[in-house]
């Protein structure tokens, strides 16, 4: 009997020290710095009027139909079904642009060329989708709108996705495509006159990571960048992740259940999934050196989970002397700009983004 109790104490003690070690590593090596000082100011606010409007209800219905396609699916097949549903979410939209497939130094992509697009003015677009979903096809409503509004030739890249590939593979594809874009356009090899970068959600994260890498690599900086609802902190420290889980119609249903786990567990999951320390600026650009960056516009919804990710990045960048602007729309879904032209606030946000890029290109930003 005594042997049993000694054995039990040995097992319990081992579990305790294992749990303590996991907590210690998460607390001191995986967590990022305290960024609560950058929760203010809140940025430029845009009212969305009474919600839900008929247009917003249409957006919510479209999302509900996509989520309904997953009912009864096994976890094994869910990613494939999500990818297919996302790629075909806007099949009922007419795309008023020329689509030209291209391979840029090994990275598959497509040129999106609205009427009158200037091939020497180029915008690299990095789609969102939690690093696991999305493609140039899923984001044509956005890339077409950006090409039409800015007059740029938009290069939408099909970077490698998880879990088939490591997170670093997608990051490398963005870097490769940017280098290629500087000297190649839709008409072949030709230096770019102006260069921009934009992305949404996971693509916003990749956008902000990319522009810091461009600076550090000594490459030609983009004239400006736009990040739509970007994820900037992979350590999951932003208060809005939990505070806005119930009001985020797109991210809430998928990610709110995960937030019931202890943060230590989430940090380990993030580290093991990405195979990169979650506080590393490569995946958490809010933790990096944000000085000497090009002008950046960040747009986010006031009711989405990534609100504080966006706000903290902008306020840190401004504190470091970089020209950054935050625009917050009330009561919008995550990356509502996708739902143009039927959603008025999507058109408004895209008009603001185009105006920002034009001001940056002219050097007249205030």
Protein backbone atom coordinates (compact mmCIF):
# COMPACT_ATOMS: atom_id res chain seq x y z
CA UNK A 1 0.00 0.00 0.00
CA UNK A 2 2.83 2.38 0.89
CA UNK A 3 4.43 1.67 -2.47
CA UNK A 4 1.21 2.72 -4.21
CA UNK A 5 1.13 6.09 -2.42
CA UNK A 6 4.78 6.74 -3.20
CA UNK A 7 4.06 5.92 -6.85
CA UNK A 8 1.01 8.25 -6.86
CA UNK A 9 3.03 11.08 -5.33
CA UNK A 10 5.74 10.48 -7.93
CA UNK A 11 3.24 10.69 -10.81
CA UNK A 12 1.44 13.75 -9.41
CA UNK A 13 4.75 15.46 -8.71
CA UNK A 14 5.95 14.73 -12.22
CA UNK A 15 2.75 16.14 -13.73
CA UNK A 16 3.02 19.23 -11.54
CA UNK A 17 6.58 19.97 -12.60
CA UNK A 18 5.77 19.27 -16.25
CA UNK A 19 2.83 21.70 -16.08
CA UNK A 20 5.02 24.26 -14.31
CA UNK A 21 7.70 23.93 -16.98
CA UNK A 22 5.16 24.42 -19.78
CA UNK A 23 3.76 27.48 -18.00
CA UNK A 24 7.22 28.91 -17.35
CA UNK A 25 8.29 28.59 -20.97
CA UNK A 26 5.02 30.13 -22.20
CA UNK A 27 5.19 32.98 -19.68
CA UNK A 28 8.80 33.97 -20.28
CA UNK A 29 9.64 32.80 -23.80
CA UNK A 30 6.38 32.71 -25.80
CA UNK A 31 4.40 35.70 -24.51
CA UNK A 32 5.03 39.10 -26.04
CA UNK A 33 5.58 42.38 -24.25
CA UNK A 34 2.74 44.24 -22.53
CA UNK A 35 1.21 46.47 -25.21
CA UNK A 36 -1.69 47.88 -23.21
CA UNK A 37 -0.11 51.34 -23.39
CA UNK A 38 -0.94 51.34 -27.11
CA UNK A 39 -4.69 50.84 -26.73
CA UNK A 40 -5.14 54.59 -27.26
CA UNK A 41 -5.79 56.64 -29.36
CA UNK A 42 -8.63 54.84 -31.08
CA UNK A 43 -8.26 56.21 -34.62
CA UNK A 44 -10.70 57.71 -37.10
CA UNK A 45 -14.25 56.40 -36.60
CA UNK A 46 -16.89 55.77 -39.26
CA UNK A 47 -20.52 55.25 -38.29
CA UNK A 48 -22.38 52.47 -40.05
CA UNK A 49 -25.86 53.74 -39.21
CA UNK A 50 -28.62 51.50 -37.96
CA UNK A 51 -27.67 47.83 -38.15
CA UNK A 52 -28.37 45.37 -39.51
CA UNK A 53 -29.23 47.12 -42.77
CA UNK A 54 -30.67 45.16 -45.67
CA UNK A 55 -27.19 45.08 -47.25
CA UNK A 56 -25.58 43.85 -44.03
CA UNK A 57 -28.27 41.20 -43.63
CA UNK A 58 -27.35 39.99 -47.09
CA UNK A 59 -23.73 39.69 -45.97
CA UNK A 60 -24.74 37.72 -42.88
CA UNK A 61 -26.94 35.43 -44.98
CA UNK A 62 -24.06 34.78 -47.38
CA UNK A 63 -21.78 33.84 -44.47
CA UNK A 64 -24.48 31.62 -42.98
CA UNK A 65 -24.84 29.75 -46.28
CA UNK A 66 -21.09 29.17 -46.41
CA UNK A 67 -21.04 27.89 -42.82
CA UNK A 68 -24.08 25.72 -43.57
CA UNK A 69 -22.08 23.82 -46.18
CA UNK A 70 -19.91 22.46 -43.37
CA UNK A 71 -22.72 20.82 -41.41
CA UNK A 72 -22.16 17.13 -40.94
CA UNK A 73 -18.61 17.28 -42.27
CA UNK A 74 -15.80 15.56 -40.41
CA UNK A 75 -12.88 17.53 -39.06
CA UNK A 76 -10.68 15.66 -41.53
CA UNK A 77 -12.55 17.09 -44.51
CA UNK A 78 -13.48 20.49 -43.09
CA UNK A 79 -10.47 22.40 -44.40
CA UNK A 80 -11.05 21.17 -47.95
CA UNK A 81 -14.74 22.08 -47.76
CA UNK A 82 -13.96 25.51 -46.34
CA UNK A 83 -11.48 26.19 -49.10
CA UNK A 84 -14.00 25.24 -51.76
CA UNK A 85 -16.79 27.28 -50.13
CA UNK A 86 -14.56 30.34 -49.75
CA UNK A 87 -13.32 30.18 -53.33
CA UNK A 88 -16.90 30.08 -54.61
CA UNK A 89 -18.42 32.54 -52.12
CA UNK A 90 -18.73 35.26 -54.75
CA UNK A 91 -19.45 33.23 -57.85
CA UNK A 92 -22.57 35.34 -58.42
CA UNK A 93 -20.45 38.51 -58.80
CA UNK A 94 -19.42 39.64 -62.27
CA UNK A 95 -15.70 40.43 -62.39
CA UNK A 96 -15.13 43.48 -64.56
CA UNK A 97 -11.40 43.02 -65.00
CA UNK A 98 -8.97 41.00 -67.07
CA UNK A 99 -7.52 38.04 -65.20
CA UNK A 100 -4.12 36.81 -66.38
CA UNK A 101 -2.47 33.81 -64.66
CA UNK A 102 1.24 34.25 -64.07
CA UNK A 103 4.09 32.60 -62.19
CA UNK A 104 6.38 35.00 -60.37
CA UNK A 105 9.71 33.31 -59.65
CA UNK A 106 7.92 30.08 -58.83
CA UNK A 107 4.95 31.58 -56.95
CA UNK A 108 1.60 31.11 -58.73
CA UNK A 109 -0.44 34.30 -59.03
CA UNK A 110 -2.77 36.26 -61.26
CA UNK A 111 -2.78 39.77 -62.61
CA UNK A 112 -6.08 41.56 -62.08
CA UNK A 113 -6.38 44.40 -64.56
CA UNK A 114 -9.34 46.75 -64.54
CA UNK A 115 -9.89 48.90 -67.60
CA UNK A 116 -7.13 51.49 -67.89
CA UNK A 117 -4.82 49.89 -65.31
CA UNK A 118 -1.26 51.16 -65.63
CA UNK A 119 1.18 48.20 -65.87
CA UNK A 120 3.98 50.25 -64.27
CA UNK A 121 1.91 50.98 -61.15
CA UNK A 122 1.66 47.70 -59.27
CA UNK A 123 -0.07 46.48 -56.14
CA UNK A 124 0.83 43.17 -54.52
CA UNK A 125 -2.29 41.70 -52.90
CA UNK A 126 -2.00 39.04 -50.17
CA UNK A 127 -5.28 37.29 -49.41
CA UNK A 128 -6.58 36.29 -46.01
CA UNK A 129 -8.00 33.01 -44.76
CA UNK A 130 -6.29 32.14 -41.46
CA UNK A 131 -3.17 30.99 -43.39
CA UNK A 132 -5.15 27.88 -44.36
CA UNK A 133 -7.82 29.13 -46.79
CA UNK A 134 -8.26 31.59 -49.61
CA UNK A 135 -6.78 32.16 -53.02
CA UNK A 136 -6.66 34.85 -55.71
CA UNK A 137 -10.08 33.56 -56.83
CA UNK A 138 -11.73 34.02 -53.42
CA UNK A 139 -10.63 37.67 -53.32
CA UNK A 140 -11.43 38.88 -56.83
CA UNK A 141 -14.17 41.19 -55.57
CA UNK A 142 -11.43 43.01 -53.65
CA UNK A 143 -8.60 42.88 -56.16
CA UNK A 144 -10.89 44.03 -58.98
CA UNK A 145 -12.15 46.93 -56.86
CA UNK A 146 -8.61 47.95 -55.92
CA UNK A 147 -7.43 47.86 -59.53
CA UNK A 148 -10.42 49.93 -60.67
CA UNK A 149 -10.06 52.51 -57.90
CA UNK A 150 -6.28 52.88 -57.94
CA UNK A 151 -5.52 52.32 -61.62
CA UNK A 152 -2.91 49.74 -60.57
CA UNK A 153 -2.14 46.35 -62.00
CA UNK A 154 -2.90 44.08 -59.04
CA UNK A 155 -0.81 40.95 -58.53
CA UNK A 156 -2.77 38.50 -56.33
CA UNK A 157 -0.53 35.69 -55.16
CA UNK A 158 -1.43 32.09 -54.35
CA UNK A 159 1.05 31.61 -51.51
CA UNK A 160 1.52 28.21 -49.88
CA UNK A 161 -1.01 27.40 -47.17
CA UNK A 162 -0.93 25.52 -43.91
CA UNK A 163 -1.14 22.74 -42.85
CA UNK A 164 0.41 21.23 -46.00
CA UNK A 165 3.24 23.75 -45.71
CA UNK A 166 4.99 25.50 -42.87
CA UNK A 167 3.98 29.05 -42.01
CA UNK A 168 7.41 30.21 -43.19
CA UNK A 169 6.67 28.93 -46.70
CA UNK A 170 3.86 31.47 -47.15
CA UNK A 171 6.07 34.22 -45.76
CA UNK A 172 8.83 33.29 -48.21
CA UNK A 173 6.36 33.35 -51.12
CA UNK A 174 5.33 36.91 -50.26
CA UNK A 175 8.96 37.99 -50.22
CA UNK A 176 9.69 36.28 -53.52
CA UNK A 177 6.65 37.84 -55.17
CA UNK A 178 7.57 41.32 -53.94
CA UNK A 179 11.09 41.06 -55.37
CA UNK A 180 9.65 39.84 -58.68
CA UNK A 181 7.02 42.61 -58.79
CA UNK A 182 9.65 45.32 -58.67
CA UNK A 183 10.98 44.35 -62.11
CA UNK A 184 8.08 42.55 -63.78
CA UNK A 185 4.64 43.67 -64.83
CA UNK A 186 1.70 42.26 -66.79
CA UNK A 187 3.48 43.10 -70.04
CA UNK A 188 6.73 41.40 -69.09
CA UNK A 189 10.01 42.60 -67.55
CA UNK A 190 9.71 46.31 -66.81
CA UNK A 191 10.67 48.38 -63.74
CA UNK A 192 7.77 49.52 -61.59
CA UNK A 193 7.00 53.21 -61.36
CA UNK A 194 4.98 52.83 -58.14
CA UNK A 195 4.60 49.84 -55.83
CA UNK A 196 1.99 49.14 -53.17
CA UNK A 197 1.20 46.20 -50.89
CA UNK A 198 -2.19 45.29 -49.44
CA UNK A 199 -3.75 42.33 -47.66
CA UNK A 200 -6.58 41.31 -45.37
CA UNK A 201 -6.68 39.38 -42.10
CA UNK A 202 -3.89 36.77 -42.37
CA UNK A 203 -2.84 38.62 -45.52
CA UNK A 204 -2.75 41.82 -43.48
CA UNK A 205 -0.36 40.09 -41.10
CA UNK A 206 1.80 39.02 -44.04
CA UNK A 207 1.65 42.56 -45.45
CA UNK A 208 2.93 44.15 -42.24
CA UNK A 209 5.58 41.48 -41.82
CA UNK A 210 6.66 41.94 -45.43
CA UNK A 211 7.16 45.71 -45.32
CA UNK A 212 9.42 45.38 -42.27
CA UNK A 213 11.44 42.70 -44.07
CA UNK A 214 11.71 44.89 -47.19
CA UNK A 215 13.19 47.67 -45.04
CA UNK A 216 15.66 45.32 -43.36
CA UNK A 217 16.64 43.71 -46.67
CA UNK A 218 17.46 47.09 -48.17
CA UNK A 219 14.99 46.68 -51.02
CA UNK A 220 12.99 49.45 -52.61
CA UNK A 221 10.20 50.29 -50.17
CA UNK A 222 6.59 50.30 -51.34
CA UNK A 223 5.05 53.74 -51.74
CA UNK A 224 2.41 52.70 -49.21
CA UNK A 225 0.58 49.70 -47.79
CA UNK A 226 -2.97 48.88 -46.71
CA UNK A 227 -3.88 46.24 -44.12
CA UNK A 228 -7.54 45.26 -43.75
CA UNK A 229 -8.43 43.76 -40.36
CA UNK A 230 -4.88 42.46 -39.88
CA UNK A 231 -3.81 39.91 -37.31
CA UNK A 232 -0.71 41.46 -35.76
CA UNK A 233 -0.15 39.58 -32.48
CA UNK A 234 0.19 35.79 -32.55
CA UNK A 235 0.62 35.76 -28.76
CA UNK A 236 -3.15 36.42 -28.57
CA UNK A 237 -2.77 39.26 -26.07
CA UNK A 238 -5.29 41.70 -27.56
CA UNK A 239 -8.27 42.30 -25.23
CA UNK A 240 -10.73 42.44 -28.15
CA UNK A 241 -10.06 38.78 -28.98
CA UNK A 242 -12.31 37.92 -26.07
CA UNK A 243 -14.28 41.14 -25.67
CA UNK A 244 -15.57 41.06 -29.27
CA UNK A 245 -15.95 37.30 -29.76
CA UNK A 246 -19.74 37.54 -29.43
CA UNK A 247 -20.05 40.43 -31.93
CA UNK A 248 -17.72 39.08 -34.63
CA UNK A 249 -20.02 37.27 -37.06
CA UNK A 250 -17.17 35.87 -39.16
CA UNK A 251 -14.37 34.95 -36.72
CA UNK A 252 -16.43 34.46 -33.57
CA UNK A 253 -18.10 31.13 -34.44
CA UNK A 254 -14.78 29.56 -35.45
CA UNK A 255 -12.36 30.96 -32.89
CA UNK A 256 -14.37 31.86 -29.77
CA UNK A 257 -14.44 28.22 -28.54
CA UNK A 258 -10.63 28.12 -28.62
CA UNK A 259 -10.48 31.05 -26.24
CA UNK A 260 -11.89 28.88 -23.48
CA UNK A 261 -8.49 27.24 -23.28
CA UNK A 262 -5.86 28.73 -20.95
CA UNK A 263 -3.58 31.21 -22.71
CA UNK A 264 -0.58 29.01 -21.93
CA UNK A 265 -2.16 26.22 -23.96
CA UNK A 266 -2.98 28.61 -26.81
CA UNK A 267 0.60 29.86 -26.91
CA UNK A 268 1.92 26.32 -27.18
CA UNK A 269 -0.63 25.50 -29.89
CA UNK A 270 0.37 28.61 -31.85
CA UNK A 271 4.06 27.83 -31.51
CA UNK A 272 3.72 24.20 -32.51
CA UNK A 273 1.34 24.94 -35.39
CA UNK A 274 3.47 27.73 -36.88
CA UNK A 275 6.82 26.25 -35.84
CA UNK A 276 7.81 29.83 -35.06
CA UNK A 277 7.83 31.45 -31.62
CA UNK A 278 4.50 33.35 -31.48
CA UNK A 279 6.19 36.51 -30.20
CA UNK A 280 8.62 36.58 -33.16
CA UNK A 281 7.95 39.74 -35.23
CA UNK A 282 7.86 37.58 -38.36
CA UNK A 283 4.45 36.31 -37.21
CA UNK A 284 3.67 39.06 -34.66
CA UNK A 285 4.60 42.26 -36.50
CA UNK A 286 3.32 44.39 -33.61
CA UNK A 287 6.36 43.19 -31.61
CA UNK A 288 8.92 44.29 -34.19
CA UNK A 289 10.84 47.43 -35.05
CA UNK A 290 8.15 49.68 -36.55
CA UNK A 291 10.37 52.62 -37.40
CA UNK A 292 11.21 53.75 -40.96
CA UNK A 293 8.19 52.05 -42.51
CA UNK A 294 6.28 53.37 -45.54
CA UNK A 295 2.86 54.97 -45.03
CA UNK A 296 0.35 52.37 -43.85
CA UNK A 297 -3.44 52.52 -43.66
CA UNK A 298 -5.13 50.01 -41.36
CA UNK A 299 -8.89 49.48 -41.50
CA UNK A 300 -10.79 47.41 -38.93
CA UNK A 301 -14.29 46.91 -37.58
CA UNK A 302 -15.05 48.13 -34.07
CA UNK A 303 -16.95 44.92 -33.35
CA UNK A 304 -14.43 42.35 -34.56
CA UNK A 305 -11.96 40.27 -32.60
CA UNK A 306 -8.88 41.80 -34.26
CA UNK A 307 -9.73 45.41 -33.34
CA UNK A 308 -6.94 45.72 -30.79
CA UNK A 309 -4.44 43.92 -33.01
CA UNK A 310 -4.97 46.72 -35.53
CA UNK A 311 -5.07 49.54 -33.01
CA UNK A 312 -1.92 48.48 -31.17
CA UNK A 313 0.09 48.07 -34.37
CA UNK A 314 -0.86 51.55 -35.63
CA UNK A 315 -0.18 53.25 -32.29
CA UNK A 316 3.19 51.50 -31.95
CA UNK A 317 4.13 52.44 -35.52
CA UNK A 318 3.20 56.09 -34.93
CA UNK A 319 5.17 56.12 -31.67
CA UNK A 320 8.17 54.82 -33.66
CA UNK A 321 7.83 57.69 -36.14
CA UNK A 322 6.24 55.80 -39.04
CA UNK A 323 3.26 57.33 -40.89
CA UNK A 324 0.34 55.07 -39.99
CA UNK A 325 -3.40 55.73 -39.99
CA UNK A 326 -6.17 53.74 -38.31
CA UNK A 327 -9.77 53.77 -39.57
CA UNK A 328 -12.49 52.01 -37.57
CA UNK A 329 -15.97 51.22 -38.90
CA UNK A 330 -18.73 50.47 -36.40
CA UNK A 331 -20.70 47.21 -36.60
CA UNK A 332 -19.01 45.70 -39.65
CA UNK A 333 -18.01 42.08 -40.19
CA UNK A 334 -14.38 41.07 -40.43
CA UNK A 335 -12.97 42.19 -43.82
CA UNK A 336 -16.30 43.70 -44.88
CA UNK A 337 -14.51 45.20 -47.92
CA UNK A 338 -14.92 41.81 -49.60
CA UNK A 339 -18.65 42.44 -49.84
CA UNK A 340 -18.51 45.21 -52.39
CA UNK A 341 -20.34 46.59 -54.26
CA UNK A 342 -23.56 45.65 -52.45
CA UNK A 343 -22.38 46.86 -49.02
CA UNK A 344 -22.09 50.69 -48.93
CA UNK A 345 -19.51 50.62 -46.13
CA UNK A 346 -17.31 48.34 -48.24
CA UNK A 347 -17.34 50.90 -51.05
CA UNK A 348 -16.62 53.69 -48.58
CA UNK A 349 -13.67 51.82 -47.09
CA UNK A 350 -12.22 51.00 -50.51
CA UNK A 351 -12.58 54.65 -51.57
CA UNK A 352 -10.67 55.66 -48.42
CA UNK A 353 -7.95 53.12 -49.19
CA UNK A 354 -7.58 54.34 -52.78
CA UNK A 355 -7.42 57.96 -51.63
CA UNK A 356 -4.72 57.04 -49.07
CA UNK A 357 -2.59 55.30 -51.68
CA UNK A 358 -2.97 58.26 -54.06
CA UNK A 359 -1.93 60.72 -51.34
CA UNK A 360 1.06 58.58 -50.41
CA UNK A 361 2.12 58.30 -54.04
CA UNK A 362 1.95 62.09 -54.43
CA UNK A 363 3.72 62.65 -51.12
CA UNK A 364 0.83 64.74 -49.76
CA UNK A 365 -0.14 62.65 -46.72
CA UNK A 366 -0.75 64.68 -43.58
